[in-house]
Amino acid sequence: MTYTTYDDADYESPQEPKPSRLFWIIMIPLLAIVGVVLAFLWRAYGNNLSALPFSASENGSSTVPSGSVAEKYVGLNAFQAFQLQLAGQMQGTTQLLTSQQTEIKRLSDQVTALSEKIDEVQRLTTPAPVSKQIAPPVRKKPTSTAAVGNPNGASAHIAPPLQLAR
């Protein structure tokens, strides 16, 4: 019996499958999106990487100071003062809105009154229609003796053309 040994020269590695079209269709837009995001980050932060919120310093601690966490929380007294300030602003805004609405109503009434006065003036200035229509005078057609002899009914005497004065 003969055993076959595989030599490295005879060994062919199996072909790795080529990336499919779907892979490239997904990968190209994904890379473009990553590039756009990185461009916006670069534009926003420039070369100051320590300003990024997720960056850490060399000793492993966060670059965010510990006092800023306490600044995010607001005390009850400060919150109540803020509520009172907002309530005052809302009350002032409501009063302003109410005064504006009454002013608009007053102006609208004035416009209505002026419109009625204009209509009344226009009605008074238009002349009353005349009850009797005057008929225009009846013009008589001139009778020509030459028109009687012409079979076309046209006048035999034609006026000479007008001459322009120079």
N, C-alpha and C. Protein backbone atom coordinates (compact mmCIF):
# COMPACT_ATOMS: atom_id res chain seq x y z
N MET A 1 0.83 -1.14 0.00
CA MET A 1 0.00 0.00 0.00
C MET A 1 0.89 1.23 0.00
N THR A 2 0.44 2.24 -0.70
CA THR A 2 1.23 3.44 -0.85
C THR A 2 0.49 4.61 -0.21
N TYR A 3 1.24 5.31 0.59
CA TYR A 3 0.67 6.50 1.23
C TYR A 3 1.10 7.76 0.48
N THR A 4 0.21 8.61 0.28
CA THR A 4 0.51 9.86 -0.40
C THR A 4 0.79 10.93 0.65
N THR A 5 1.88 11.58 0.52
CA THR A 5 2.19 12.69 1.42
C THR A 5 1.97 13.99 0.67
N TYR A 6 1.55 14.90 1.41
CA TYR A 6 1.28 16.21 0.78
C TYR A 6 2.49 17.08 0.95
N ASP A 7 2.97 17.49 -0.13
CA ASP A 7 4.10 18.40 -0.16
C ASP A 7 3.58 19.83 -0.13
N ASP A 8 4.40 20.73 0.37
CA ASP A 8 3.96 22.12 0.37
C ASP A 8 3.80 22.64 -1.05
N ALA A 9 4.58 22.13 -1.95
CA ALA A 9 4.50 22.57 -3.33
C ALA A 9 3.22 22.08 -3.98
N ASP A 10 2.77 20.92 -3.58
CA ASP A 10 1.56 20.38 -4.17
C ASP A 10 0.30 20.93 -3.52
N TYR A 11 0.47 21.49 -2.35
CA TYR A 11 -0.70 21.97 -1.59
C TYR A 11 -1.18 23.30 -2.13
N GLU A 12 -2.42 23.36 -2.44
CA GLU A 12 -3.05 24.60 -2.90
C GLU A 12 -4.05 25.03 -1.84
N SER A 13 -3.89 26.25 -1.43
CA SER A 13 -4.82 26.75 -0.41
C SER A 13 -6.17 27.00 -1.07
N PRO A 14 -7.19 26.75 -0.32
CA PRO A 14 -8.52 27.00 -0.91
C PRO A 14 -8.69 28.50 -1.18
N GLN A 15 -9.32 28.79 -2.29
CA GLN A 15 -9.54 30.18 -2.69
C GLN A 15 -10.47 30.85 -1.67
N GLU A 16 -10.03 32.03 -1.21
CA GLU A 16 -10.90 32.79 -0.32
C GLU A 16 -11.99 33.43 -1.19
N PRO A 17 -13.18 33.42 -0.69
CA PRO A 17 -14.25 34.00 -1.51
C PRO A 17 -14.06 35.51 -1.64
N LYS A 18 -14.33 36.01 -2.83
CA LYS A 18 -14.23 37.44 -3.09
C LYS A 18 -15.42 38.14 -2.42
N PRO A 19 -15.19 39.34 -1.98
CA PRO A 19 -16.31 40.07 -1.39
C PRO A 19 -17.41 40.27 -2.45
N SER A 20 -18.60 40.07 -2.03
CA SER A 20 -19.73 40.18 -2.97
C SER A 20 -20.04 41.65 -3.24
N ARG A 21 -20.90 41.90 -4.20
CA ARG A 21 -21.31 43.26 -4.54
C ARG A 21 -22.06 43.90 -3.39
N LEU A 22 -22.84 43.13 -2.69
CA LEU A 22 -23.59 43.66 -1.57
C LEU A 22 -22.64 44.22 -0.51
N PHE A 23 -21.51 43.55 -0.30
CA PHE A 23 -20.51 44.03 0.65
C PHE A 23 -20.03 45.41 0.26
N TRP A 24 -19.71 45.61 -1.00
CA TRP A 24 -19.22 46.90 -1.46
C TRP A 24 -20.32 47.96 -1.47
N ILE A 25 -21.54 47.54 -1.77
CA ILE A 25 -22.66 48.49 -1.78
C ILE A 25 -22.90 49.03 -0.37
N ILE A 26 -22.67 48.20 0.63
CA ILE A 26 -22.85 48.63 2.02
C ILE A 26 -21.60 49.36 2.52
N MET A 27 -20.43 48.88 2.16
CA MET A 27 -19.19 49.40 2.72
C MET A 27 -18.86 50.81 2.23
N ILE A 28 -19.09 51.13 0.98
CA ILE A 28 -18.72 52.44 0.44
C ILE A 28 -19.54 53.56 1.11
N PRO A 29 -20.88 53.46 1.19
CA PRO A 29 -21.61 54.52 1.90
C PRO A 29 -21.25 54.59 3.39
N LEU A 30 -20.96 53.44 4.01
CA LEU A 30 -20.59 53.43 5.41
C LEU A 30 -19.28 54.19 5.63
N LEU A 31 -18.31 53.97 4.77
CA LEU A 31 -17.05 54.70 4.87
C LEU A 31 -17.25 56.19 4.61
N ALA A 32 -18.13 56.52 3.69
CA ALA A 32 -18.41 57.93 3.40
C ALA A 32 -19.04 58.61 4.62
N ILE A 33 -19.95 57.93 5.29
CA ILE A 33 -20.59 58.49 6.48
C ILE A 33 -19.57 58.69 7.59
N VAL A 34 -18.70 57.70 7.79
CA VAL A 34 -17.67 57.83 8.82
C VAL A 34 -16.75 59.01 8.48
N GLY A 35 -16.42 59.18 7.24
CA GLY A 35 -15.57 60.31 6.83
C GLY A 35 -16.24 61.65 7.09
N VAL A 36 -17.54 61.74 6.81
CA VAL A 36 -18.26 62.99 7.04
C VAL A 36 -18.32 63.30 8.53
N VAL A 37 -18.58 62.28 9.35
CA VAL A 37 -18.64 62.50 10.80
C VAL A 37 -17.28 62.96 11.32
N LEU A 38 -16.22 62.32 10.86
CA LEU A 38 -14.89 62.72 11.30
C LEU A 38 -14.56 64.14 10.83
N ALA A 39 -15.01 64.51 9.64
CA ALA A 39 -14.76 65.87 9.15
C ALA A 39 -15.49 66.90 10.02
N PHE A 40 -16.72 66.60 10.41
CA PHE A 40 -17.45 67.51 11.28
C PHE A 40 -16.78 67.62 12.65
N LEU A 41 -16.31 66.50 13.21
CA LEU A 41 -15.61 66.55 14.49
C LEU A 41 -14.33 67.37 14.37
N TRP A 42 -13.60 67.19 13.31
CA TRP A 42 -12.37 67.93 13.11
C TRP A 42 -12.67 69.42 12.99
N ARG A 43 -13.74 69.73 12.25
CA ARG A 43 -14.14 71.13 12.07
C ARG A 43 -14.56 71.75 13.41
N ALA A 44 -15.29 70.98 14.23
CA ALA A 44 -15.80 71.51 15.49
C ALA A 44 -14.70 71.65 16.54
N TYR A 45 -13.82 70.66 16.65
CA TYR A 45 -12.84 70.66 17.73
C TYR A 45 -11.43 71.01 17.25
N GLY A 46 -11.19 70.96 15.97
CA GLY A 46 -9.87 71.27 15.46
C GLY A 46 -8.85 70.26 15.97
N ASN A 47 -7.70 70.75 16.37
CA ASN A 47 -6.67 69.86 16.88
C ASN A 47 -6.75 69.72 18.40
N ASN A 48 -7.74 70.24 19.02
CA ASN A 48 -7.90 70.20 20.47
C ASN A 48 -8.66 68.94 20.87
N LEU A 49 -8.01 67.83 20.88
CA LEU A 49 -8.66 66.57 21.21
C LEU A 49 -9.04 66.49 22.68
N SER A 50 -8.40 67.26 23.53
CA SER A 50 -8.75 67.21 24.95
C SER A 50 -10.13 67.81 25.20
N ALA A 51 -10.67 68.57 24.25
CA ALA A 51 -11.99 69.17 24.42
C ALA A 51 -13.10 68.17 24.15
N LEU A 52 -12.77 67.05 23.53
CA LEU A 52 -13.79 66.05 23.26
C LEU A 52 -14.28 65.46 24.58
N PRO A 53 -15.58 65.22 24.71
CA PRO A 53 -16.11 64.75 25.99
C PRO A 53 -15.68 63.32 26.34
N PHE A 54 -15.31 62.53 25.37
CA PHE A 54 -14.97 61.13 25.65
C PHE A 54 -13.47 60.89 25.72
N SER A 55 -12.68 61.93 25.59
CA SER A 55 -11.23 61.73 25.63
C SER A 55 -10.77 61.67 27.08
N ALA A 56 -9.69 60.94 27.33
CA ALA A 56 -9.15 60.79 28.68
C ALA A 56 -7.71 61.26 28.69
N SER A 57 -7.25 61.72 29.84
CA SER A 57 -5.87 62.17 29.94
C SER A 57 -4.94 60.96 30.08
N GLU A 58 -3.64 61.22 30.17
CA GLU A 58 -2.66 60.14 30.20
C GLU A 58 -2.78 59.26 31.43
N ASN A 59 -3.17 59.83 32.57
CA ASN A 59 -3.23 59.02 33.78
C ASN A 59 -4.53 58.24 33.88
N GLY A 60 -5.37 58.32 32.88
CA GLY A 60 -6.58 57.50 32.85
C GLY A 60 -7.79 58.19 33.42
N SER A 61 -7.61 59.34 34.02
CA SER A 61 -8.77 60.03 34.58
C SER A 61 -9.43 60.85 33.48
N SER A 62 -10.64 61.17 33.70
CA SER A 62 -11.40 61.93 32.72
C SER A 62 -10.92 63.37 32.73
N THR A 63 -11.04 64.06 31.59
CA THR A 63 -10.62 65.46 31.51
C THR A 63 -11.67 66.39 32.06
N VAL A 64 -12.86 65.88 32.34
CA VAL A 64 -13.93 66.70 32.88
C VAL A 64 -13.64 66.91 34.36
N PRO A 65 -13.59 68.16 34.82
CA PRO A 65 -13.31 68.37 36.24
C PRO A 65 -14.46 67.87 37.10
N SER A 66 -14.13 67.48 38.30
CA SER A 66 -15.14 66.88 39.17
C SER A 66 -16.16 67.91 39.63
N GLY A 67 -15.82 69.20 39.65
CA GLY A 67 -16.75 70.23 40.08
C GLY A 67 -17.86 70.46 39.08
N SER A 68 -17.67 70.12 37.82
CA SER A 68 -18.71 70.38 36.82
C SER A 68 -19.89 69.45 36.99
N VAL A 69 -19.69 68.29 37.60
CA VAL A 69 -20.81 67.38 37.83
C VAL A 69 -21.76 68.00 38.82
N ALA A 70 -21.22 68.66 39.84
CA ALA A 70 -22.06 69.30 40.85
C ALA A 70 -22.79 70.50 40.25
N GLU A 71 -22.21 71.15 39.25
CA GLU A 71 -22.85 72.30 38.63
C GLU A 71 -24.07 71.91 37.81
N LYS A 72 -24.17 70.68 37.42
CA LYS A 72 -25.31 70.25 36.61
C LYS A 72 -26.57 70.17 37.45
N TYR A 73 -26.43 69.97 38.75
CA TYR A 73 -27.59 69.86 39.62
C TYR A 73 -27.93 71.23 40.17
N VAL A 74 -29.23 71.51 40.25
CA VAL A 74 -29.70 72.81 40.70
C VAL A 74 -30.40 72.60 42.04
N GLY A 75 -30.15 73.50 42.97
CA GLY A 75 -30.80 73.41 44.27
C GLY A 75 -32.27 73.78 44.18
N LEU A 76 -33.01 73.41 45.22
CA LEU A 76 -34.44 73.66 45.25
C LEU A 76 -34.73 75.16 45.28
N ASN A 77 -33.96 75.91 46.03
CA ASN A 77 -34.19 77.37 46.10
C ASN A 77 -33.95 78.03 44.74
N ALA A 78 -32.90 77.62 44.05
CA ALA A 78 -32.63 78.19 42.73
C ALA A 78 -33.72 77.83 41.75
N PHE A 79 -34.22 76.61 41.85
CA PHE A 79 -35.28 76.18 40.94
C PHE A 79 -36.56 76.96 41.21
N GLN A 80 -36.90 77.18 42.47
CA GLN A 80 -38.10 77.94 42.80
C GLN A 80 -37.95 79.40 42.36
N ALA A 81 -36.76 79.96 42.49
CA ALA A 81 -36.54 81.33 42.02
C ALA A 81 -36.71 81.40 40.51
N PHE A 82 -36.23 80.38 39.82
CA PHE A 82 -36.40 80.31 38.37
C PHE A 82 -37.88 80.21 38.00
N GLN A 83 -38.63 79.40 38.75
CA GLN A 83 -40.07 79.28 38.48
C GLN A 83 -40.77 80.63 38.69
N LEU A 84 -40.41 81.34 39.75
CA LEU A 84 -41.03 82.65 39.99
C LEU A 84 -40.67 83.64 38.88
N GLN A 85 -39.45 83.58 38.42
CA GLN A 85 -39.04 84.46 37.32
C GLN A 85 -39.83 84.15 36.06
N LEU A 86 -39.98 82.86 35.76
CA LEU A 86 -40.76 82.47 34.58
C LEU A 86 -42.22 82.86 34.72
N ALA A 87 -42.78 82.72 35.94
CA ALA A 87 -44.18 83.08 36.15
C ALA A 87 -44.37 84.58 35.93
N GLY A 88 -43.43 85.39 36.39
CA GLY A 88 -43.51 86.83 36.17
C GLY A 88 -43.43 87.18 34.70
N GLN A 89 -42.54 86.52 33.99
CA GLN A 89 -42.42 86.77 32.55
C GLN A 89 -43.68 86.35 31.82
N MET A 90 -44.25 85.22 32.22
CA MET A 90 -45.49 84.75 31.57
C MET A 90 -46.63 85.73 31.84
N GLN A 91 -46.72 86.24 33.07
CA GLN A 91 -47.77 87.18 33.40
C GLN A 91 -47.61 88.47 32.58
N GLY A 92 -46.39 88.95 32.47
CA GLY A 92 -46.14 90.15 31.65
C GLY A 92 -46.48 89.92 30.20
N THR A 93 -46.13 88.75 29.68
CA THR A 93 -46.43 88.42 28.29
C THR A 93 -47.94 88.32 28.07
N THR A 94 -48.65 87.74 29.04
CA THR A 94 -50.10 87.61 28.93
C THR A 94 -50.76 88.98 28.93
N GLN A 95 -50.29 89.89 29.79
CA GLN A 95 -50.84 91.24 29.82
C GLN A 95 -50.57 91.97 28.51
N LEU A 96 -49.38 91.80 27.98
CA LEU A 96 -49.05 92.43 26.70
C LEU A 96 -49.93 91.90 25.58
N LEU A 97 -50.16 90.60 25.57
CA LEU A 97 -51.02 89.99 24.55
C LEU A 97 -52.45 90.51 24.67
N THR A 98 -52.95 90.61 25.89
CA THR A 98 -54.31 91.11 26.09
C THR A 98 -54.44 92.56 25.61
N SER A 99 -53.44 93.39 25.94
CA SER A 99 -53.50 94.79 25.49
C SER A 99 -53.42 94.88 23.97
N GLN A 100 -52.62 94.03 23.35
CA GLN A 100 -52.53 94.03 21.89
C GLN A 100 -53.85 93.59 21.26
N GLN A 101 -54.52 92.63 21.87
CA GLN A 101 -55.81 92.17 21.33
C GLN A 101 -56.86 93.27 21.44
N THR A 102 -56.89 94.01 22.57
CA THR A 102 -57.86 95.10 22.69
C THR A 102 -57.55 96.22 21.71
N GLU A 103 -56.27 96.48 21.48
CA GLU A 103 -55.89 97.52 20.51
C GLU A 103 -56.30 97.11 19.09
N ILE A 104 -56.12 95.83 18.76
CA ILE A 104 -56.53 95.34 17.44
C ILE A 104 -58.05 95.45 17.28
N LYS A 105 -58.79 95.14 18.34
CA LYS A 105 -60.25 95.24 18.29
C LYS A 105 -60.67 96.69 18.08
N ARG A 106 -60.01 97.64 18.78
CA ARG A 106 -60.33 99.06 18.64
C ARG A 106 -60.04 99.53 17.22
N LEU A 107 -58.88 99.14 16.68
CA LEU A 107 -58.53 99.54 15.31
C LEU A 107 -59.49 98.93 14.29
N SER A 108 -59.90 97.70 14.53
CA SER A 108 -60.84 97.04 13.61
C SER A 108 -62.17 97.78 13.61
N ASP A 109 -62.64 98.21 14.79
CA ASP A 109 -63.89 98.97 14.86
C ASP A 109 -63.75 100.31 14.13
N GLN A 110 -62.59 100.96 14.26
CA GLN A 110 -62.38 102.22 13.57
C GLN A 110 -62.38 102.03 12.05
N VAL A 111 -61.77 100.95 11.58
CA VAL A 111 -61.74 100.67 10.15
C VAL A 111 -63.16 100.41 9.64
N THR A 112 -63.95 99.69 10.42
CA THR A 112 -65.34 99.42 10.03
C THR A 112 -66.13 100.71 9.94
N ALA A 113 -65.97 101.60 10.93
CA ALA A 113 -66.69 102.88 10.92
C ALA A 113 -66.27 103.73 9.73
N LEU A 114 -64.97 103.80 9.46
CA LEU A 114 -64.50 104.57 8.30
C LEU A 114 -65.01 103.98 6.99
N SER A 115 -65.07 102.68 6.89
CA SER A 115 -65.57 102.03 5.68
C SER A 115 -67.04 102.39 5.46
N GLU A 116 -67.82 102.42 6.54
CA GLU A 116 -69.23 102.79 6.42
C GLU A 116 -69.37 104.25 5.98
N LYS A 117 -68.52 105.13 6.52
CA LYS A 117 -68.58 106.55 6.13
C LYS A 117 -68.21 106.72 4.67
N ILE A 118 -67.20 106.00 4.20
CA ILE A 118 -66.80 106.09 2.79
C ILE A 118 -67.92 105.61 1.89
N ASP A 119 -68.58 104.51 2.26
CA ASP A 119 -69.70 104.01 1.47
C ASP A 119 -70.82 105.05 1.41
N GLU A 120 -71.09 105.72 2.54
CA GLU A 120 -72.15 106.72 2.58
C GLU A 120 -71.79 107.93 1.71
N VAL A 121 -70.54 108.37 1.75
CA VAL A 121 -70.11 109.50 0.93
C VAL A 121 -70.20 109.13 -0.55
N GLN A 122 -69.79 107.93 -0.91
CA GLN A 122 -69.87 107.50 -2.30
C GLN A 122 -71.32 107.43 -2.76
N ARG A 123 -72.20 106.99 -1.88
CA ARG A 123 -73.61 106.89 -2.24
C ARG A 123 -74.21 108.29 -2.45
N LEU A 124 -73.78 109.27 -1.64
CA LEU A 124 -74.31 110.63 -1.76
C LEU A 124 -73.75 111.35 -2.97
N THR A 125 -72.54 111.06 -3.38
CA THR A 125 -71.93 111.77 -4.50
C THR A 125 -72.32 111.21 -5.86
N THR A 126 -72.82 110.02 -5.94
CA THR A 126 -73.23 109.48 -7.24
C THR A 126 -74.56 110.11 -7.63
N PRO A 127 -74.70 110.57 -8.89
CA PRO A 127 -75.95 111.21 -9.31
C PRO A 127 -77.09 110.19 -9.37
N ALA A 128 -78.24 110.69 -9.08
CA ALA A 128 -79.43 109.84 -9.14
C ALA A 128 -79.72 109.51 -10.60
N PRO A 129 -80.17 108.33 -10.89
CA PRO A 129 -80.46 107.97 -12.28
C PRO A 129 -81.66 108.78 -12.80
N VAL A 130 -81.56 109.23 -14.04
CA VAL A 130 -82.62 110.01 -14.67
C VAL A 130 -83.70 109.03 -15.10
N SER A 131 -84.92 109.38 -14.75
CA SER A 131 -86.02 108.47 -15.05
C SER A 131 -86.38 108.48 -16.53
N LYS A 132 -86.17 109.61 -17.20
CA LYS A 132 -86.53 109.68 -18.61
C LYS A 132 -85.26 109.68 -19.44
N GLN A 133 -85.18 108.77 -20.35
CA GLN A 133 -84.02 108.69 -21.24
C GLN A 133 -84.24 109.64 -22.41
N ILE A 134 -83.24 110.42 -22.68
CA ILE A 134 -83.32 111.34 -23.82
C ILE A 134 -82.81 110.59 -25.04
N ALA A 135 -83.63 110.55 -26.07
CA ALA A 135 -83.26 109.84 -27.28
C ALA A 135 -82.36 110.73 -28.12
N PRO A 136 -81.34 110.15 -28.71
CA PRO A 136 -80.48 110.97 -29.57
C PRO A 136 -81.25 111.40 -30.81
N PRO A 137 -80.87 112.55 -31.38
CA PRO A 137 -81.60 113.03 -32.56
C PRO A 137 -81.42 112.08 -33.74
N VAL A 138 -82.45 111.96 -34.51
CA VAL A 138 -82.44 111.07 -35.66
C VAL A 138 -81.83 111.82 -36.83
N ARG A 139 -80.84 111.25 -37.43
CA ARG A 139 -80.19 111.87 -38.58
C ARG A 139 -80.84 111.35 -39.86
N LYS A 140 -81.01 112.25 -40.73
CA LYS A 140 -81.60 111.87 -42.02
C LYS A 140 -80.48 111.58 -42.99
N LYS A 141 -80.69 110.59 -43.81
CA LYS A 141 -79.71 110.26 -44.83
C LYS A 141 -79.89 111.21 -46.00
N PRO A 142 -78.76 111.75 -46.45
CA PRO A 142 -78.89 112.67 -47.61
C PRO A 142 -79.25 111.86 -48.86
N THR A 143 -80.12 112.37 -49.61
CA THR A 143 -80.50 111.72 -50.86
C THR A 143 -79.77 112.41 -51.99
N SER A 144 -79.20 111.63 -52.82
CA SER A 144 -78.43 112.16 -53.93
C SER A 144 -79.12 111.77 -55.22
N THR A 145 -79.13 112.66 -56.18
CA THR A 145 -79.74 112.37 -57.46
C THR A 145 -78.86 111.46 -58.28
N ALA A 146 -77.54 111.48 -58.03
CA ALA A 146 -76.62 110.64 -58.79
C ALA A 146 -76.72 109.20 -58.33
N ALA A 147 -77.06 108.99 -57.08
CA ALA A 147 -77.14 107.63 -56.57
C ALA A 147 -78.29 106.88 -57.20
N VAL A 148 -79.28 107.60 -57.70
CA VAL A 148 -80.42 106.93 -58.29
C VAL A 148 -80.03 106.31 -59.61
N GLY A 149 -79.17 106.96 -60.41
CA GLY A 149 -78.80 106.46 -61.72
C GLY A 149 -77.73 105.39 -61.67
N ASN A 150 -77.00 105.24 -60.59
CA ASN A 150 -75.92 104.27 -60.49
C ASN A 150 -76.51 102.90 -60.12
N PRO A 151 -76.20 101.85 -60.88
CA PRO A 151 -76.79 100.55 -60.58
C PRO A 151 -76.24 99.95 -59.29
N ASN A 152 -75.05 100.32 -58.85
CA ASN A 152 -74.48 99.75 -57.61
C ASN A 152 -75.04 100.45 -56.39
N GLY A 153 -75.68 101.54 -56.55
CA GLY A 153 -76.23 102.29 -55.43
C GLY A 153 -75.23 103.24 -54.84
N ALA A 154 -74.04 103.32 -55.38
CA ALA A 154 -73.02 104.21 -54.85
C ALA A 154 -73.15 105.57 -55.50
N SER A 155 -72.61 106.54 -54.85
CA SER A 155 -72.69 107.90 -55.35
C SER A 155 -71.73 108.05 -56.52
N ALA A 156 -72.15 108.79 -57.53
CA ALA A 156 -71.31 109.00 -58.70
C ALA A 156 -70.25 110.03 -58.41
N HIS A 157 -70.48 110.90 -57.46
CA HIS A 157 -69.51 111.93 -57.11
C HIS A 157 -68.64 111.41 -55.97
N ILE A 158 -67.39 111.23 -56.26
CA ILE A 158 -66.44 110.78 -55.23
C ILE A 158 -65.58 111.97 -54.89
N ALA A 159 -65.40 112.21 -53.63
CA ALA A 159 -64.60 113.35 -53.18
C ALA A 159 -63.14 113.10 -53.51
N PRO A 160 -62.39 114.13 -53.90
CA PRO A 160 -60.96 113.95 -54.18
C PRO A 160 -60.23 113.66 -52.88
N PRO A 161 -59.08 112.99 -52.96
CA PRO A 161 -58.34 112.66 -51.74
C PRO A 161 -57.80 113.93 -51.09
N LEU A 162 -57.65 113.86 -49.81
CA LEU A 162 -57.16 115.01 -49.05
C LEU A 162 -55.68 115.17 -49.30
N GLN A 163 -55.24 116.43 -49.42
CA GLN A 163 -53.82 116.70 -49.62
C GLN A 163 -53.28 117.28 -48.30
N LEU A 164 -52.13 116.80 -47.94
CA LEU A 164 -51.51 117.26 -46.72
C LEU A 164 -50.80 118.58 -46.97
N ALA A 165 -50.92 119.48 -46.05
CA ALA A 165 -50.25 120.78 -46.18
C ALA A 165 -48.78 120.61 -45.82
N ARG A 166 -47.93 121.24 -46.66
CA ARG A 166 -46.50 121.10 -46.40
C ARG A 166 -45.92 122.34 -45.87
